[in-house]
Amino acid sequence: MNTRLIAVTIAVALIVTAVSLVGCSNSSSSPSPTVAPAVKAEDDASRAACLAAMQAAQTELHAWTAQGNTAQGAATVQELADIGAISKSLACPAGGSYTYSPVAEEFSCSIHGRVSD
């Protein structure tokens, strides 16, 4: 099976899981007795979705480079998407902005940090 197809399949599975977590935190049938736990659950779900998106992009990028491709000159996440290294530009559910460090070989979010944190 194609390495990129495997990476995309894993990425989609991670994103679907994260999105379902976000949906679960918002699907309460009765009002929460306090606001703080609901906000905490939403923050946790948002962080999980964000980290899953970064991990999926990292997996895609590693699969892409394993095929002999290089991201020379790609300085932004959007440029990585433009050259096909990742399937789409990333969007943090909490509104954070993403960067990619070629030295650390990982993505980071201005709100949620790095996958390795």
Foldseek 3Di string as FASTA:
>chain_A
DQQLVVLLVQLVVQLVVLVVQLVVLPPDPDDDPDVVVSVVSNVVSLLSNQQSNFVSLLSLLVSVVVVVDDPPPQFAQQSCCVVPSGVHRDARPVGWGKGADPVVSGIATPPNGTNVD
